[in-house]
Amino acid sequence: MDFYNDFNKYLVESDYSLNSIGTILKNIKVFMNEAVERGLTSNLIFRSKRFKTIHENSEGIYLSVEDLSKIAKHDLSNNLRLDRVRDLFLIGCYTGLRFSDLTKLKEENFIQNGTQAKIKTEKTGQIVIIPLNTIVKTLLNKYDGVPPSAISNQKMNAYLKEIGELAEIDEEVLISLTKGGKNQSTSFKKYELITVHTARRSFATNAFLNDVPSISIMKITGHRTENAFMKYIKISQEENANKLTDHPFFK
């Protein structure tokens, strides 16, 4: 526990964010568990409730249906590099697949005459079946039935910000996080926050806003608990109120 307290203090003073500290501590626990399993140590203090990982809810963005429409309609015919990244990203936004699963889709993954995709997810080993909407079908036809080939996650993140700026996804977004032990708020243009993972978050949030039952969305995203799933739902208080306006309880 002396190590835990001293190391935690060091990370805070080194200006690490709260979630980065949590990830580092979680990794220490992973290696300590492995050391115990191999009989390399009998020190079990890391399993104490006091040796806890730290976490705060991230404020990642999602792209609304209107945002996605602007990105889809932006003319990138003169830029094949961005065009392919945009199309792969949009397929992710309408299927909810992780980048690792999206990039390994093959012709045999498309079933029911191309109306559904079936895949065993890499992270959890779950089999998910996803209905394909018209936008996804059109994009797949553009690439002879399979998604365009992927580039590295890092490059794709950079290209997506470029695409977002071109499509004028420039709404101001205020992000708060704890860094160096202090809560900090920073303003960003929305396109500056777009990453590969935004696709999965956008899928879950847009499906939720369009009244797709949570359990049905979870069958696609592979979330096992509603608590884990709800972390993906990024709606504002205003969006929540608008969604409830037509609910019978508020009539």
Protein backbone atom coordinates (compact mmCIF):
# COMPACT_ATOMS: atom_id res chain seq x y z
CA MET A 1 0.00 0.00 0.00
CA ASP A 2 2.97 2.33 0.54
CA PHE A 3 3.95 1.69 -3.09
CA TYR A 4 0.36 2.27 -4.25
CA ASN A 5 0.08 5.60 -2.43
CA ASP A 6 3.52 6.85 -3.48
CA PHE A 7 3.08 5.78 -7.11
CA ASN A 8 -0.39 7.29 -7.32
CA LYS A 9 0.99 10.56 -5.93
CA TYR A 10 3.84 10.49 -8.47
CA LEU A 11 1.41 10.00 -11.38
CA VAL A 12 -0.81 12.87 -10.21
CA GLU A 13 2.20 15.18 -9.83
CA SER A 14 3.39 14.09 -13.29
CA ASP A 15 0.15 15.53 -14.72
CA TYR A 16 -1.42 12.23 -15.79
CA SER A 17 -5.17 12.25 -16.32
CA LEU A 18 -7.35 10.30 -13.88
CA ASN A 19 -8.25 7.67 -16.48
CA SER A 20 -4.59 7.23 -17.51
CA ILE A 21 -3.69 6.63 -13.88
CA GLY A 22 -6.53 4.11 -13.65
CA THR A 23 -5.26 2.25 -16.72
CA ILE A 24 -1.71 2.06 -15.34
CA LEU A 25 -2.92 0.74 -11.98
CA LYS A 26 -5.19 -1.78 -13.70
CA ASN A 27 -2.21 -3.07 -15.72
CA ILE A 28 -0.18 -3.47 -12.51
CA LYS A 29 -2.98 -5.61 -11.08
CA VAL A 30 -3.01 -7.74 -14.27
CA PHE A 31 0.71 -8.49 -13.97
CA MET A 32 0.47 -9.09 -10.23
CA ASN A 33 -2.33 -11.60 -10.82
CA GLU A 34 -0.16 -13.40 -13.37
CA ALA A 35 2.78 -13.41 -10.93
CA VAL A 36 0.57 -15.01 -8.26
CA GLU A 37 -0.69 -17.64 -10.73
CA ARG A 38 2.92 -18.53 -11.62
CA GLY A 39 3.92 -18.75 -7.95
CA LEU A 40 6.36 -15.85 -8.30
CA THR A 41 4.90 -13.94 -5.35
CA SER A 42 2.60 -14.45 -2.40
CA ASN A 43 1.91 -10.70 -1.97
CA LEU A 44 -1.86 -10.26 -2.33
CA ILE A 45 -2.17 -6.66 -1.15
CA PHE A 46 -2.97 -5.62 -4.72
CA ARG A 47 -6.32 -7.42 -4.33
CA SER A 48 -7.28 -5.17 -1.41
CA LYS A 49 -10.19 -2.77 -1.93
CA ARG A 50 -7.78 0.00 -1.01
CA PHE A 51 -5.53 -0.89 -3.98
CA LYS A 52 -8.18 0.41 -6.35
CA THR A 53 -8.13 1.49 -9.95
CA ILE A 54 -9.39 5.01 -10.60
CA HIS A 55 -11.88 6.03 -13.24
CA GLU A 56 -14.03 8.94 -14.31
CA ASN A 57 -16.61 8.82 -17.07
CA SER A 58 -15.13 10.04 -20.33
CA GLU A 59 -16.91 12.73 -22.31
CA GLY A 60 -16.38 11.28 -25.75
CA ILE A 61 -18.58 12.72 -28.47
CA TYR A 62 -21.01 11.04 -30.83
CA LEU A 63 -22.01 12.17 -34.31
CA SER A 64 -25.70 12.81 -34.85
CA VAL A 65 -27.61 11.57 -37.88
CA GLU A 66 -27.29 15.11 -39.26
CA ASP A 67 -23.51 15.08 -38.72
CA LEU A 68 -23.21 11.72 -40.48
CA SER A 69 -25.29 13.01 -43.38
CA LYS A 70 -22.95 15.99 -43.80
CA ILE A 71 -19.93 13.69 -43.80
CA ALA A 72 -21.57 11.28 -46.27
CA LYS A 73 -22.59 14.04 -48.68
CA HIS A 74 -19.27 15.87 -48.71
CA ASP A 75 -17.60 15.41 -52.11
CA LEU A 76 -14.32 13.53 -51.71
CA SER A 77 -14.16 12.17 -55.25
CA ASN A 78 -10.84 13.95 -55.79
CA ASN A 79 -9.29 12.47 -52.66
CA LEU A 80 -9.28 8.66 -52.66
CA ARG A 81 -7.34 8.56 -49.37
CA LEU A 82 -10.08 10.37 -47.44
CA ASP A 83 -12.92 8.84 -49.45
CA ARG A 84 -12.06 5.28 -48.40
CA VAL A 85 -11.55 6.25 -44.75
CA ARG A 86 -14.88 8.12 -44.73
CA ASP A 87 -16.73 5.14 -46.17
CA LEU A 88 -15.19 2.64 -43.73
CA PHE A 89 -16.02 4.98 -40.84
CA LEU A 90 -19.64 5.35 -41.96
CA ILE A 91 -20.04 1.57 -42.13
CA GLY A 92 -18.85 1.51 -38.52
CA CYS A 93 -21.35 4.23 -37.57
CA TYR A 94 -24.25 2.13 -38.86
CA THR A 95 -23.10 -1.30 -37.65
CA GLY A 96 -21.54 -0.49 -34.26
CA LEU A 97 -18.57 -2.77 -34.93
CA ARG A 98 -15.21 -2.15 -33.30
CA PHE A 99 -12.37 -1.18 -35.64
CA SER A 100 -10.75 -4.62 -35.18
CA ASP A 101 -13.95 -6.38 -36.33
CA LEU A 102 -14.85 -3.90 -39.04
CA THR A 103 -11.52 -4.40 -40.81
CA LYS A 104 -11.84 -8.18 -41.02
CA LEU A 105 -15.30 -8.38 -42.59
CA LYS A 106 -15.31 -10.69 -45.59
CA GLU A 107 -17.92 -11.74 -48.13
CA GLU A 108 -18.89 -14.79 -46.05
CA ASN A 109 -19.84 -12.51 -43.11
CA PHE A 110 -22.82 -11.17 -45.05
CA ILE A 111 -25.88 -13.37 -44.76
CA GLN A 112 -29.60 -13.34 -45.61
CA ASN A 113 -28.97 -12.09 -49.14
CA GLY A 114 -26.70 -9.32 -47.90
CA THR A 115 -29.22 -7.85 -45.45
CA GLN A 116 -27.29 -8.84 -42.32
CA ALA A 117 -23.69 -9.15 -41.14
CA LYS A 118 -22.65 -12.00 -38.83
CA ILE A 119 -19.27 -11.92 -37.11
CA LYS A 120 -17.48 -13.37 -34.09
CA THR A 121 -16.05 -10.35 -32.30
CA GLU A 122 -12.33 -10.28 -31.63
CA LYS A 123 -12.44 -8.70 -28.16
CA THR A 124 -15.14 -10.82 -26.51
CA GLY A 125 -15.53 -13.83 -28.81
CA GLN A 126 -19.28 -13.17 -29.03
CA ILE A 127 -21.20 -13.77 -32.23
CA VAL A 128 -23.25 -10.74 -33.27
CA ILE A 129 -25.72 -10.37 -36.13
CA ILE A 130 -26.37 -6.87 -37.43
CA PRO A 131 -29.12 -5.71 -39.80
CA LEU A 132 -27.66 -3.60 -42.60
CA ASN A 133 -29.41 -0.38 -43.57
CA THR A 134 -29.54 1.12 -47.05
CA ILE A 135 -26.50 3.34 -46.46
CA VAL A 136 -24.30 0.37 -45.52
CA LYS A 137 -25.56 -1.71 -48.46
CA THR A 138 -24.78 1.15 -50.85
CA LEU A 139 -21.27 1.56 -49.46
CA LEU A 140 -20.61 -2.17 -49.65
CA ASN A 141 -21.74 -2.24 -53.28
CA LYS A 142 -19.25 0.54 -53.98
CA TYR A 143 -16.46 -1.83 -52.89
CA ASP A 144 -17.74 -5.06 -54.47
CA GLY A 145 -19.48 -6.34 -51.37
CA VAL A 146 -16.82 -5.85 -48.66
CA PRO A 147 -15.68 -2.75 -46.72
CA PRO A 148 -12.69 -0.81 -48.06
CA SER A 149 -9.31 -1.90 -46.72
CA ALA A 150 -8.17 -0.27 -43.50
CA ILE A 151 -5.14 1.76 -42.56
CA SER A 152 -3.64 1.99 -39.09
CA ASN A 153 -5.88 3.18 -36.27
CA GLN A 154 -3.58 6.17 -35.67
CA LYS A 155 -3.65 7.35 -39.29
CA MET A 156 -7.38 6.82 -39.54
CA ASN A 157 -7.93 9.00 -36.46
CA ALA A 158 -5.92 11.80 -38.09
CA TYR A 159 -7.78 11.46 -41.42
CA LEU A 160 -11.18 11.47 -39.68
CA LYS A 161 -10.42 14.85 -38.10
CA GLU A 162 -9.50 16.14 -41.55
CA ILE A 163 -12.77 14.80 -42.97
CA GLY A 164 -14.77 16.30 -40.12
CA GLU A 165 -13.24 19.70 -40.69
CA LEU A 166 -13.98 19.56 -44.43
CA ALA A 167 -17.59 18.57 -43.69
CA GLU A 168 -17.84 21.49 -41.22
CA ILE A 169 -18.54 19.39 -38.13
CA ASP A 170 -17.34 22.38 -36.14
CA GLU A 171 -19.73 22.72 -33.21
CA GLU A 172 -17.98 23.88 -30.02
CA VAL A 173 -17.63 21.09 -27.44
CA LEU A 174 -16.49 21.59 -23.84
CA ILE A 175 -14.61 18.61 -22.39
CA SER A 176 -13.85 18.28 -18.68
CA LEU A 177 -11.29 15.89 -17.22
CA THR A 178 -9.19 15.53 -14.10
CA LYS A 179 -5.50 15.98 -14.82
CA GLY A 180 -2.71 16.51 -12.34
CA GLY A 181 -5.32 16.25 -9.61
CA LYS A 182 -7.27 19.23 -10.95
CA ASN A 183 -10.47 19.36 -12.97
CA GLN A 184 -9.84 21.08 -16.30
CA SER A 185 -12.28 22.16 -18.99
CA THR A 186 -11.14 22.67 -22.57
CA SER A 187 -13.12 23.79 -25.62
CA PHE A 188 -12.72 21.88 -28.88
CA LYS A 189 -14.21 21.95 -32.34
CA LYS A 190 -16.26 18.77 -32.65
CA TYR A 191 -14.20 17.46 -35.57
CA GLU A 192 -11.06 17.61 -33.38
CA LEU A 193 -12.55 14.88 -31.16
CA ILE A 194 -13.57 12.41 -33.88
CA THR A 195 -11.79 9.04 -33.61
CA VAL A 196 -12.39 5.54 -34.93
CA HIS A 197 -14.25 4.71 -31.71
CA THR A 198 -16.67 7.60 -32.34
CA ALA A 199 -18.36 5.31 -34.88
CA ARG A 200 -19.37 2.73 -32.28
CA ARG A 201 -20.51 5.42 -29.85
CA SER A 202 -22.53 7.13 -32.58
CA PHE A 203 -24.23 3.88 -33.54
CA ALA A 204 -25.34 3.16 -29.96
CA THR A 205 -26.50 6.72 -29.27
CA ASN A 206 -28.39 7.22 -32.53
CA ALA A 207 -30.11 3.84 -32.20
CA PHE A 208 -31.11 4.74 -28.63
CA LEU A 209 -32.45 8.15 -29.70
CA ASN A 210 -34.49 6.43 -32.41
CA ASP A 211 -36.18 4.20 -29.82
CA VAL A 212 -34.39 0.97 -30.64
CA PRO A 213 -34.71 -1.06 -27.39
CA SER A 214 -31.53 -1.05 -25.30
CA ILE A 215 -31.47 -4.86 -25.17
CA SER A 216 -31.53 -5.01 -28.98
CA ILE A 217 -28.67 -2.52 -29.29
CA MET A 218 -26.68 -4.48 -26.71
CA LYS A 219 -27.14 -7.66 -28.77
CA ILE A 220 -25.30 -5.84 -31.55
CA THR A 221 -22.65 -3.99 -29.53
CA GLY A 222 -21.99 -7.07 -27.41
CA HIS A 223 -22.34 -5.28 -24.07
CA ARG A 224 -23.20 -7.74 -21.31
CA THR A 225 -24.46 -5.21 -18.77
CA GLU A 226 -26.68 -2.17 -19.14
CA ASN A 227 -24.25 -0.20 -16.98
CA ALA A 228 -21.43 -0.77 -19.47
CA PHE A 229 -23.75 -0.05 -22.39
CA MET A 230 -25.04 3.25 -20.98
CA LYS A 231 -21.50 4.64 -20.91
CA TYR A 232 -21.75 4.68 -24.72
CA ILE A 233 -24.93 6.76 -24.74
CA LYS A 234 -23.84 10.38 -25.10
CA ILE A 235 -26.96 12.51 -25.10
CA SER A 236 -27.35 15.98 -23.67
CA GLN A 237 -30.01 17.04 -21.18
CA GLU A 238 -31.80 18.81 -24.03
CA GLU A 239 -31.75 15.70 -26.24
CA ASN A 240 -33.05 13.64 -23.34
CA ALA A 241 -35.91 16.10 -22.73
CA ASN A 242 -36.80 16.17 -26.44
CA LYS A 243 -36.87 12.38 -26.52
CA LEU A 244 -39.26 12.30 -23.56
CA THR A 245 -41.62 14.98 -24.90
CA ASP A 246 -43.76 12.44 -26.76
CA HIS A 247 -43.65 9.84 -23.99
CA PRO A 248 -47.18 9.08 -22.63
CA PHE A 249 -46.05 9.84 -19.05
CA PHE A 250 -45.35 13.47 -19.99
CA LYS A 251 -48.61 14.02 -21.90
